[in-house]
Each structure stands twice: as C-alpha cells, then as structure tokens.
C-alpha cells in the first residue's frame, strides 16, 4: 500500500490497520486523519496491499 503525508510517500507490504500503518511510518496516530478515495477512515479499518491512503495533519487551536 502507499501512504502519503505532505511531500513524503511510503510503500508498505501486506495488510494492516490504519493505526498500524501510521505507526509503521513513524507518525503518531492521534495527529493525522487517514483518507482513502475521499472517505475518512477509522483507525481499525484494515488496509489492503493495493490501497493508497493520504494522511492529513490535524491542526488545533484556541
């Protein structure tokens, strides 16, 4: 699967959950949202080897 965050891309092998994929690329799951085909994914969604997932940074402020 391909994971995209800003200007970085990673290729990961096999099936895994969104949370596992985020952790595998070295990001903190609570700091990004995962989107596949324009749809928001939950952290327990299982990703397939041919998926392309975009990670969007969460920005908060007060």
N, C-alpha and C. Protein backbone atom coordinates (compact mmCIF):
# COMPACT_ATOMS: atom_id res chain seq x y z
N UNK A 1 0.83 -1.17 0.00
CA UNK A 1 0.00 0.00 0.00
C UNK A 1 0.88 1.23 0.00
N UNK A 2 0.31 2.31 -0.45
CA UNK A 2 1.05 3.57 -0.48
C UNK A 2 0.43 4.50 0.57
N UNK A 3 1.30 5.06 1.40
CA UNK A 3 0.90 6.02 2.41
C UNK A 3 1.53 7.36 2.02
N UNK A 4 0.71 8.40 1.97
CA UNK A 4 1.18 9.72 1.56
C UNK A 4 0.89 10.72 2.68
N UNK A 5 1.91 11.47 3.07
CA UNK A 5 1.76 12.54 4.07
C UNK A 5 2.62 13.70 3.65
N UNK A 6 1.97 14.81 3.36
CA UNK A 6 2.65 16.01 2.84
C UNK A 6 3.47 15.65 1.62
N UNK A 7 4.78 15.81 1.66
CA UNK A 7 5.61 15.51 0.48
C UNK A 7 6.34 14.18 0.61
N UNK A 8 5.90 13.34 1.55
CA UNK A 8 6.54 12.03 1.76
C UNK A 8 5.61 10.90 1.34
N UNK A 9 6.21 9.84 0.84
CA UNK A 9 5.45 8.64 0.48
C UNK A 9 6.17 7.41 0.99
N UNK A 10 5.39 6.43 1.44
CA UNK A 10 5.93 5.16 1.90
C UNK A 10 5.19 4.03 1.20
N UNK A 11 5.89 2.96 0.90
CA UNK A 11 5.29 1.73 0.37
C UNK A 11 5.36 0.69 1.47
N UNK A 12 4.22 0.16 1.88
CA UNK A 12 4.16 -0.85 2.92
C UNK A 12 3.61 -2.14 2.34
N UNK A 13 4.09 -3.25 2.85
CA UNK A 13 3.68 -4.58 2.36
C UNK A 13 2.62 -5.19 3.28
N UNK A 14 1.73 -5.97 2.70
CA UNK A 14 0.76 -6.74 3.47
C UNK A 14 -0.46 -5.95 3.90
N UNK A 15 -1.29 -6.61 4.71
CA UNK A 15 -2.50 -5.99 5.24
C UNK A 15 -2.22 -5.53 6.66
N UNK A 16 -2.80 -4.39 7.03
CA UNK A 16 -2.69 -3.89 8.40
C UNK A 16 -3.77 -2.84 8.62
N UNK A 17 -3.99 -2.49 9.88
CA UNK A 17 -4.98 -1.46 10.17
C UNK A 17 -4.39 -0.08 9.89
N UNK A 18 -5.26 0.89 9.81
CA UNK A 18 -4.83 2.27 9.61
C UNK A 18 -3.86 2.67 10.72
N UNK A 19 -4.19 2.35 11.96
CA UNK A 19 -3.33 2.70 13.09
C UNK A 19 -1.94 2.07 12.94
N UNK A 20 -1.88 0.80 12.58
CA UNK A 20 -0.60 0.12 12.41
C UNK A 20 0.23 0.78 11.30
N UNK A 21 -0.42 1.14 10.21
CA UNK A 21 0.29 1.78 9.09
C UNK A 21 0.85 3.13 9.51
N UNK A 22 0.06 3.91 10.24
CA UNK A 22 0.52 5.23 10.69
C UNK A 22 1.72 5.08 11.61
N UNK A 23 1.65 4.13 12.54
CA UNK A 23 2.76 3.90 13.45
C UNK A 23 4.00 3.40 12.71
N UNK A 24 3.79 2.55 11.70
CA UNK A 24 4.91 1.98 10.95
C UNK A 24 5.72 3.05 10.20
N UNK A 25 5.04 4.11 9.75
CA UNK A 25 5.76 5.18 9.06
C UNK A 25 6.32 6.22 10.02
N UNK A 26 6.13 6.00 11.32
CA UNK A 26 6.74 6.86 12.33
C UNK A 26 5.94 8.07 12.77
N UNK A 27 4.63 8.05 12.48
CA UNK A 27 3.78 9.17 12.90
C UNK A 27 2.93 8.75 14.10
N UNK A 28 2.41 9.73 14.80
CA UNK A 28 1.55 9.48 15.95
C UNK A 28 0.10 9.46 15.44
N UNK A 29 -0.62 8.35 15.65
CA UNK A 29 -1.97 8.22 15.09
C UNK A 29 -2.94 9.35 15.46
N UNK A 30 -2.79 9.92 16.64
CA UNK A 30 -3.69 10.99 17.07
C UNK A 30 -3.42 12.33 16.37
N UNK A 31 -2.37 12.42 15.58
CA UNK A 31 -2.02 13.69 14.93
C UNK A 31 -2.40 13.75 13.46
N UNK A 32 -2.95 12.66 12.92
CA UNK A 32 -3.32 12.64 11.50
C UNK A 32 -4.68 11.97 11.29
N UNK A 33 -5.32 12.33 10.18
CA UNK A 33 -6.54 11.67 9.72
C UNK A 33 -6.19 10.91 8.45
N UNK A 34 -6.75 9.72 8.29
CA UNK A 34 -6.49 8.90 7.12
C UNK A 34 -7.67 8.97 6.16
N UNK A 35 -7.36 9.17 4.87
CA UNK A 35 -8.40 9.29 3.84
C UNK A 35 -8.06 8.35 2.69
N UNK A 36 -9.06 7.57 2.25
CA UNK A 36 -8.90 6.69 1.09
C UNK A 36 -10.08 6.95 0.17
N UNK A 37 -9.80 7.24 -1.08
CA UNK A 37 -10.85 7.53 -2.07
C UNK A 37 -11.81 8.61 -1.60
N UNK A 38 -11.27 9.63 -0.92
CA UNK A 38 -12.09 10.75 -0.47
C UNK A 38 -12.92 10.48 0.77
N UNK A 39 -12.73 9.31 1.40
CA UNK A 39 -13.51 8.96 2.59
C UNK A 39 -12.62 8.81 3.80
N UNK A 40 -13.06 9.38 4.91
CA UNK A 40 -12.33 9.30 6.16
C UNK A 40 -12.35 7.87 6.69
N UNK A 41 -11.20 7.39 7.16
CA UNK A 41 -11.09 6.03 7.68
C UNK A 41 -10.92 6.05 9.19
N UNK A 42 -11.45 5.04 9.86
CA UNK A 42 -11.22 4.89 11.29
C UNK A 42 -9.92 4.12 11.48
N UNK A 43 -9.35 4.20 12.67
CA UNK A 43 -8.04 3.58 12.90
C UNK A 43 -8.07 2.06 12.86
N UNK A 44 -9.25 1.46 12.98
CA UNK A 44 -9.34 0.00 12.94
C UNK A 44 -9.69 -0.54 11.54
N UNK A 45 -9.79 0.35 10.54
CA UNK A 45 -10.03 -0.08 9.16
C UNK A 45 -8.82 -0.87 8.66
N UNK A 46 -9.08 -2.02 8.05
CA UNK A 46 -7.99 -2.84 7.51
C UNK A 46 -7.67 -2.37 6.09
N UNK A 47 -6.41 -2.09 5.86
CA UNK A 47 -5.93 -1.64 4.55
C UNK A 47 -5.43 -2.82 3.75
N UNK A 48 -5.69 -2.79 2.46
CA UNK A 48 -5.26 -3.84 1.54
C UNK A 48 -3.98 -3.41 0.83
N UNK A 49 -3.21 -4.36 0.30
CA UNK A 49 -1.94 -4.03 -0.36
C UNK A 49 -2.04 -3.02 -1.51
N UNK A 50 -3.18 -2.94 -2.18
CA UNK A 50 -3.30 -2.01 -3.32
C UNK A 50 -3.93 -0.66 -2.95
N UNK A 51 -4.11 -0.40 -1.66
CA UNK A 51 -4.71 0.87 -1.22
C UNK A 51 -3.72 2.02 -1.29
N UNK A 52 -4.26 3.21 -1.52
CA UNK A 52 -3.49 4.44 -1.42
C UNK A 52 -4.20 5.30 -0.38
N UNK A 53 -3.47 5.65 0.67
CA UNK A 53 -4.06 6.39 1.79
C UNK A 53 -3.31 7.70 1.96
N UNK A 54 -4.07 8.79 2.07
CA UNK A 54 -3.47 10.10 2.33
C UNK A 54 -3.68 10.43 3.80
N UNK A 55 -2.62 10.89 4.43
CA UNK A 55 -2.69 11.29 5.82
C UNK A 55 -2.70 12.82 5.88
N UNK A 56 -3.67 13.34 6.61
CA UNK A 56 -3.84 14.79 6.73
C UNK A 56 -3.57 15.18 8.17
N UNK A 57 -2.66 16.12 8.38
CA UNK A 57 -2.32 16.56 9.73
C UNK A 57 -3.50 17.26 10.38
N UNK A 58 -3.71 16.95 11.66
CA UNK A 58 -4.77 17.59 12.44
C UNK A 58 -4.17 18.86 13.04
N UNK A 59 -4.89 19.96 12.86
CA UNK A 59 -4.43 21.24 13.40
C UNK A 59 -5.48 21.71 14.40
N UNK A 60 -5.02 22.04 15.60
CA UNK A 60 -5.97 22.55 16.59
C UNK A 60 -5.48 23.88 17.12
N UNK A 61 -6.38 24.62 17.61
CA UNK A 61 -6.04 25.93 18.16
C UNK A 61 -7.14 26.42 19.07
N UNK A 62 -6.88 27.52 19.69
CA UNK A 62 -7.88 28.01 20.64
C UNK A 62 -8.25 29.42 20.40
